[in-house]
């Protein structure tokens, strides 16, 4: 059952992005960082396994 809203949020101040209040990362940026970290980890693993000298 849908009830009519009885209250609304009113912003007291605008929230601005600043290093003091944290770093804001979008989901798209987070996905790109995750893919990049995965590739780097994969390459380091390949180098560690196949770089053994006989």
Protein backbone atom coordinates (compact mmCIF):
# COMPACT_ATOMS: atom_id res chain seq x y z
CA UNK A 1 0.00 0.00 0.00
CA UNK A 2 1.43 3.36 -1.05
CA UNK A 3 1.17 6.16 1.49
CA UNK A 4 1.44 9.83 0.75
CA UNK A 5 4.71 11.44 1.86
CA UNK A 6 4.42 13.37 5.07
CA UNK A 7 7.90 14.88 5.08
CA UNK A 8 10.62 15.92 2.67
CA UNK A 9 14.38 16.23 3.01
CA UNK A 10 15.76 19.73 2.85
CA UNK A 11 19.50 20.19 2.27
CA UNK A 12 21.03 22.47 4.87
CA UNK A 13 24.19 22.89 2.82
CA UNK A 14 25.63 21.61 -0.41
CA UNK A 15 28.07 18.74 0.03
CA UNK A 16 31.26 19.45 -1.88
CA UNK A 17 33.91 16.91 -2.76
CA UNK A 18 37.07 17.55 -0.80
CA UNK A 19 39.99 15.45 0.44
CA UNK A 20 39.02 16.30 4.01
CA UNK A 21 35.63 14.62 3.62
CA UNK A 22 36.85 11.58 1.68
CA UNK A 23 37.43 10.50 -1.89
CA UNK A 24 34.48 9.93 -4.16
CA UNK A 25 34.82 7.10 -6.71
CA UNK A 26 32.09 6.16 -9.15
CA UNK A 27 31.21 2.52 -9.82
CA UNK A 28 32.63 2.84 -13.33
CA UNK A 29 35.98 4.09 -12.01
CA UNK A 30 36.03 1.33 -9.40
CA UNK A 31 35.42 -1.28 -12.10
CA UNK A 32 38.30 0.12 -14.20
CA UNK A 33 40.64 0.07 -11.19
CA UNK A 34 39.64 -3.52 -10.43
CA UNK A 35 40.33 -4.65 -13.99
CA UNK A 36 43.68 -2.86 -14.00
CA UNK A 37 44.66 -4.39 -10.65
CA UNK A 38 43.68 -7.85 -11.94
CA UNK A 39 45.82 -7.47 -15.05
CA UNK A 40 48.82 -6.29 -13.02
CA UNK A 41 48.42 -9.18 -10.56
CA UNK A 42 48.16 -11.66 -13.44
CA UNK A 43 51.32 -10.30 -15.10
CA UNK A 44 53.26 -10.42 -11.83
CA UNK A 45 52.13 -14.01 -11.32
CA UNK A 46 53.24 -14.98 -14.82
CA UNK A 47 56.63 -13.33 -14.31
CA UNK A 48 57.08 -15.04 -10.92
CA UNK A 49 56.21 -18.51 -12.30
CA UNK A 50 57.97 -18.42 -15.67
CA UNK A 51 61.01 -16.32 -14.78
CA UNK A 52 62.78 -19.19 -13.05
CA UNK A 53 66.21 -19.76 -14.54
CA UNK A 54 67.44 -23.35 -14.89
